[in-house]
């Protein structure tokens, strides 16, 4: 799911279901299932958050014209980007 969200951010694949849910939840200001936070399926909100964080980090990185400055001002994003790059190396995905 992490690599699929990253590929989507790179415009190289469709969004994973968790990313679609997260984007729809944000747009509509509604959770996927009726009820509150505790009424959602186990782990779903965490997967949605992870997918959205990866997607937005990769998109933000690509939008930056100064990657070094981006890394300094976005330490959390830098950690996410490093994690995605490590996963790509470990699982043979593209790495640029």
N, C-alpha and C. Protein backbone atom coordinates (compact mmCIF):
# COMPACT_ATOMS: atom_id res chain seq x y z
N UNK A 1 0.82 -1.18 0.00
CA UNK A 1 0.00 0.00 0.00
C UNK A 1 0.87 1.25 0.00
N UNK A 2 1.97 1.22 0.76
CA UNK A 2 2.89 2.36 0.80
C UNK A 2 3.49 2.61 -0.58
N UNK A 3 3.97 1.54 -1.20
CA UNK A 3 4.57 1.69 -2.53
C UNK A 3 3.53 2.09 -3.57
N UNK A 4 2.31 1.60 -3.43
CA UNK A 4 1.25 1.98 -4.37
C UNK A 4 0.91 3.46 -4.22
N UNK A 5 0.88 3.97 -3.00
CA UNK A 5 0.61 5.40 -2.78
C UNK A 5 1.75 6.24 -3.36
N UNK A 6 2.99 5.76 -3.20
CA UNK A 6 4.13 6.48 -3.74
C UNK A 6 4.09 6.47 -5.27
N UNK A 7 3.76 5.33 -5.87
CA UNK A 7 3.67 5.24 -7.33
C UNK A 7 2.58 6.18 -7.84
N UNK A 8 1.47 6.25 -7.14
CA UNK A 8 0.40 7.16 -7.53
C UNK A 8 0.89 8.61 -7.48
N UNK A 9 1.62 8.95 -6.44
CA UNK A 9 2.16 10.31 -6.31
C UNK A 9 3.13 10.62 -7.44
N UNK A 10 3.81 9.60 -7.94
CA UNK A 10 4.73 9.76 -9.06
C UNK A 10 4.01 9.67 -10.41
N UNK A 11 2.68 9.60 -10.39
CA UNK A 11 1.85 9.44 -11.59
C UNK A 11 2.20 8.18 -12.36
N UNK A 12 2.49 7.12 -11.61
CA UNK A 12 2.87 5.86 -12.24
C UNK A 12 1.98 4.70 -11.83
N UNK A 13 0.84 5.00 -11.32
CA UNK A 13 -0.07 3.93 -10.94
C UNK A 13 -1.34 4.50 -10.34
N UNK A 14 -2.34 3.64 -10.23
CA UNK A 14 -3.60 4.09 -9.63
C UNK A 14 -3.46 4.22 -8.12
N UNK A 15 -4.32 4.99 -7.50
CA UNK A 15 -4.25 5.11 -6.05
C UNK A 15 -4.71 3.82 -5.38
N UNK A 16 -4.07 3.44 -4.29
CA UNK A 16 -4.57 2.29 -3.54
C UNK A 16 -5.90 2.66 -2.88
N UNK A 17 -6.71 1.66 -2.55
CA UNK A 17 -8.02 1.95 -1.94
C UNK A 17 -7.95 2.84 -0.70
N UNK A 18 -6.92 2.66 0.11
CA UNK A 18 -6.78 3.46 1.33
C UNK A 18 -6.59 4.94 1.01
N UNK A 19 -5.87 5.23 -0.07
CA UNK A 19 -5.66 6.61 -0.48
C UNK A 19 -6.97 7.21 -0.99
N UNK A 20 -7.71 6.45 -1.76
CA UNK A 20 -9.00 6.93 -2.26
C UNK A 20 -9.93 7.24 -1.09
N UNK A 21 -9.97 6.33 -0.11
CA UNK A 21 -10.81 6.57 1.07
C UNK A 21 -10.38 7.84 1.80
N UNK A 22 -9.06 8.00 1.98
CA UNK A 22 -8.56 9.17 2.70
C UNK A 22 -8.89 10.46 1.96
N UNK A 23 -8.70 10.46 0.65
CA UNK A 23 -9.00 11.66 -0.12
C UNK A 23 -10.50 11.96 -0.11
N UNK A 24 -11.32 10.93 -0.22
CA UNK A 24 -12.76 11.14 -0.15
C UNK A 24 -13.19 11.62 1.22
N UNK A 25 -12.61 11.05 2.27
CA UNK A 25 -12.95 11.47 3.63
C UNK A 25 -12.60 12.94 3.83
N UNK A 26 -11.47 13.34 3.31
CA UNK A 26 -11.07 14.75 3.43
C UNK A 26 -12.00 15.65 2.63
N UNK A 27 -12.29 15.26 1.40
CA UNK A 27 -13.13 16.09 0.53
C UNK A 27 -14.55 16.24 1.09
N UNK A 28 -15.12 15.12 1.52
CA UNK A 28 -16.50 15.12 1.99
C UNK A 28 -16.62 15.38 3.49
N UNK A 29 -15.48 15.42 4.18
CA UNK A 29 -15.46 15.62 5.62
C UNK A 29 -16.32 14.56 6.33
N UNK A 30 -16.17 13.33 5.86
CA UNK A 30 -16.92 12.19 6.40
C UNK A 30 -16.00 10.98 6.51
N UNK A 31 -16.20 10.18 7.52
CA UNK A 31 -15.47 8.92 7.66
C UNK A 31 -16.08 7.88 6.72
N UNK A 32 -15.31 6.84 6.37
CA UNK A 32 -15.83 5.83 5.43
C UNK A 32 -17.08 5.10 5.93
N UNK A 33 -17.13 4.79 7.22
CA UNK A 33 -18.25 4.05 7.79
C UNK A 33 -19.08 4.97 8.68
N UNK A 34 -20.36 4.69 8.84
CA UNK A 34 -21.19 5.50 9.74
C UNK A 34 -20.65 5.46 11.16
N UNK A 35 -20.91 6.49 11.91
CA UNK A 35 -20.47 6.54 13.30
C UNK A 35 -19.23 7.39 13.46
N UNK A 36 -18.57 7.20 14.59
CA UNK A 36 -17.38 7.98 14.91
C UNK A 36 -16.10 7.22 14.62
N UNK A 37 -15.00 7.75 15.17
CA UNK A 37 -13.69 7.15 14.95
C UNK A 37 -13.65 5.68 15.34
N UNK A 38 -14.23 5.36 16.47
CA UNK A 38 -14.16 3.98 16.97
C UNK A 38 -15.10 3.03 16.24
N UNK A 39 -15.92 3.56 15.35
CA UNK A 39 -16.83 2.71 14.58
C UNK A 39 -16.23 2.29 13.24
N UNK A 40 -15.02 2.73 12.95
CA UNK A 40 -14.37 2.39 11.69
C UNK A 40 -13.73 1.01 11.81
N UNK A 41 -13.51 0.38 10.67
CA UNK A 41 -12.87 -0.94 10.67
C UNK A 41 -11.47 -0.86 11.28
N UNK A 42 -11.07 -1.93 11.95
CA UNK A 42 -9.78 -1.98 12.64
C UNK A 42 -8.64 -1.66 11.68
N UNK A 43 -7.85 -0.67 12.04
CA UNK A 43 -6.66 -0.31 11.28
C UNK A 43 -6.91 0.53 10.04
N UNK A 44 -8.16 0.72 9.68
CA UNK A 44 -8.45 1.43 8.43
C UNK A 44 -7.98 2.88 8.46
N UNK A 45 -8.25 3.59 9.54
CA UNK A 45 -7.84 5.00 9.61
C UNK A 45 -6.32 5.13 9.59
N UNK A 46 -5.62 4.20 10.21
CA UNK A 46 -4.16 4.24 10.19
C UNK A 46 -3.62 4.00 8.78
N UNK A 47 -4.22 3.06 8.06
CA UNK A 47 -3.79 2.80 6.68
C UNK A 47 -4.11 4.00 5.78
N UNK A 48 -5.27 4.60 5.99
CA UNK A 48 -5.65 5.78 5.22
C UNK A 48 -4.67 6.92 5.47
N UNK A 49 -4.34 7.13 6.74
CA UNK A 49 -3.41 8.20 7.10
C UNK A 49 -2.03 7.95 6.50
N UNK A 50 -1.56 6.71 6.59
CA UNK A 50 -0.25 6.38 6.03
C UNK A 50 -0.22 6.62 4.52
N UNK A 51 -1.26 6.17 3.82
CA UNK A 51 -1.31 6.36 2.37
C UNK A 51 -1.32 7.84 2.01
N UNK A 52 -2.13 8.61 2.72
CA UNK A 52 -2.21 10.05 2.43
C UNK A 52 -0.89 10.75 2.76
N UNK A 53 -0.26 10.38 3.86
CA UNK A 53 1.03 10.99 4.21
C UNK A 53 2.09 10.71 3.16
N UNK A 54 2.15 9.47 2.69
CA UNK A 54 3.13 9.12 1.65
C UNK A 54 2.84 9.91 0.38
N UNK A 55 1.59 9.90 -0.04
CA UNK A 55 1.20 10.60 -1.27
C UNK A 55 1.55 12.08 -1.19
N UNK A 56 1.17 12.73 -0.13
CA UNK A 56 1.41 14.17 -0.01
C UNK A 56 2.89 14.49 0.15
N UNK A 57 3.63 13.61 0.81
CA UNK A 57 5.08 13.83 0.94
C UNK A 57 5.76 13.76 -0.42
N UNK A 58 5.47 12.73 -1.18
CA UNK A 58 6.10 12.57 -2.50
C UNK A 58 5.71 13.73 -3.42
N UNK A 59 4.43 14.11 -3.40
CA UNK A 59 3.99 15.24 -4.22
C UNK A 59 4.67 16.54 -3.80
N UNK A 60 4.80 16.76 -2.51
CA UNK A 60 5.48 17.95 -2.01
C UNK A 60 6.95 17.98 -2.38
N UNK A 61 7.58 16.81 -2.31
CA UNK A 61 8.99 16.70 -2.69
C UNK A 61 9.16 17.05 -4.17
N UNK A 62 8.30 16.49 -5.01
CA UNK A 62 8.39 16.78 -6.45
C UNK A 62 8.09 18.24 -6.77
N UNK A 63 7.23 18.86 -6.00
CA UNK A 63 6.86 20.26 -6.25
C UNK A 63 7.95 21.24 -5.82
N UNK A 64 8.85 20.78 -4.97
CA UNK A 64 9.90 21.66 -4.46
C UNK A 64 10.97 21.88 -5.53
N UNK A 65 11.44 23.10 -5.61
CA UNK A 65 12.55 23.37 -6.53
C UNK A 65 13.89 23.39 -5.79
N UNK A 66 13.85 23.18 -4.49
CA UNK A 66 15.08 23.10 -3.69
C UNK A 66 14.92 21.93 -2.72
N UNK A 67 15.35 20.76 -3.15
CA UNK A 67 15.15 19.54 -2.36
C UNK A 67 15.90 19.56 -1.04
N UNK A 68 17.07 20.19 -1.02
CA UNK A 68 17.82 20.27 0.23
C UNK A 68 17.06 21.10 1.26
N UNK A 69 16.54 22.23 0.84
CA UNK A 69 15.76 23.07 1.74
C UNK A 69 14.47 22.36 2.15
N UNK A 70 13.83 21.68 1.21
CA UNK A 70 12.63 20.93 1.52
C UNK A 70 12.91 19.92 2.64
N UNK A 71 14.02 19.22 2.54
CA UNK A 71 14.39 18.23 3.55
C UNK A 71 14.62 18.85 4.91
N UNK A 72 15.24 20.03 4.93
CA UNK A 72 15.49 20.70 6.22
C UNK A 72 14.20 21.21 6.85
N UNK A 73 13.29 21.70 6.04
CA UNK A 73 12.06 22.27 6.58
C UNK A 73 10.96 21.23 6.76
N UNK A 74 11.17 20.01 6.27
CA UNK A 74 10.19 18.93 6.38
C UNK A 74 10.85 17.66 6.91
N UNK A 75 11.32 17.67 8.16
CA UNK A 75 12.01 16.48 8.67
C UNK A 75 11.13 15.23 8.67
N UNK A 76 9.85 15.39 8.97
CA UNK A 76 8.94 14.24 8.91
C UNK A 76 8.80 13.72 7.50
N UNK A 77 8.68 14.64 6.56
CA UNK A 77 8.60 14.25 5.15
C UNK A 77 9.88 13.58 4.68
N UNK A 78 11.01 14.07 5.17
CA UNK A 78 12.30 13.45 4.81
C UNK A 78 12.35 12.01 5.30
N UNK A 79 11.84 11.78 6.50
CA UNK A 79 11.83 10.42 7.04
C UNK A 79 10.91 9.52 6.22
N UNK A 80 9.76 10.04 5.82
CA UNK A 80 8.84 9.26 4.99
C UNK A 80 9.47 8.96 3.64
N UNK A 81 10.09 9.97 3.03
CA UNK A 81 10.74 9.78 1.73
C UNK A 81 11.86 8.74 1.83
N UNK A 82 12.67 8.81 2.87
CA UNK A 82 13.74 7.83 3.06
C UNK A 82 13.17 6.42 3.21
N UNK A 83 12.06 6.30 3.93
CA UNK A 83 11.41 5.00 4.11
C UNK A 83 10.91 4.45 2.78
N UNK A 84 10.27 5.30 1.98
CA UNK A 84 9.77 4.87 0.68
C UNK A 84 10.93 4.44 -0.22
N UNK A 85 12.00 5.20 -0.23
CA UNK A 85 13.16 4.84 -1.06
C UNK A 85 13.76 3.51 -0.62
N UNK A 86 13.79 3.28 0.70
CA UNK A 86 14.31 2.01 1.22
C UNK A 86 13.40 0.85 0.78
N UNK A 87 12.08 1.05 0.88
CA UNK A 87 11.15 0.01 0.44
C UNK A 87 11.32 -0.28 -1.05
N UNK A 88 11.50 0.76 -1.83
CA UNK A 88 11.69 0.56 -3.27
C UNK A 88 12.96 -0.24 -3.56
N UNK A 89 14.02 0.05 -2.83
CA UNK A 89 15.25 -0.72 -3.02
C UNK A 89 15.04 -2.17 -2.60
N UNK A 90 14.40 -2.39 -1.46
CA UNK A 90 14.21 -3.74 -0.93
C UNK A 90 13.29 -4.57 -1.81
N UNK A 91 12.29 -3.95 -2.41
CA UNK A 91 11.30 -4.69 -3.19
C UNK A 91 11.45 -4.50 -4.69
N UNK A 92 12.57 -3.91 -5.11
CA UNK A 92 12.88 -3.82 -6.52
C UNK A 92 12.05 -2.82 -7.30
N UNK A 93 11.45 -1.88 -6.60
CA UNK A 93 10.68 -0.85 -7.29
C UNK A 93 11.63 0.22 -7.79
N UNK A 94 11.11 1.13 -8.61
CA UNK A 94 11.92 2.22 -9.14
C UNK A 94 12.44 3.10 -8.02
N UNK A 95 13.57 3.71 -8.22
CA UNK A 95 14.19 4.57 -7.21
C UNK A 95 14.86 5.73 -7.91
N UNK A 96 14.23 6.93 -7.80
CA UNK A 96 14.86 8.11 -8.40
C UNK A 96 14.77 9.29 -7.52
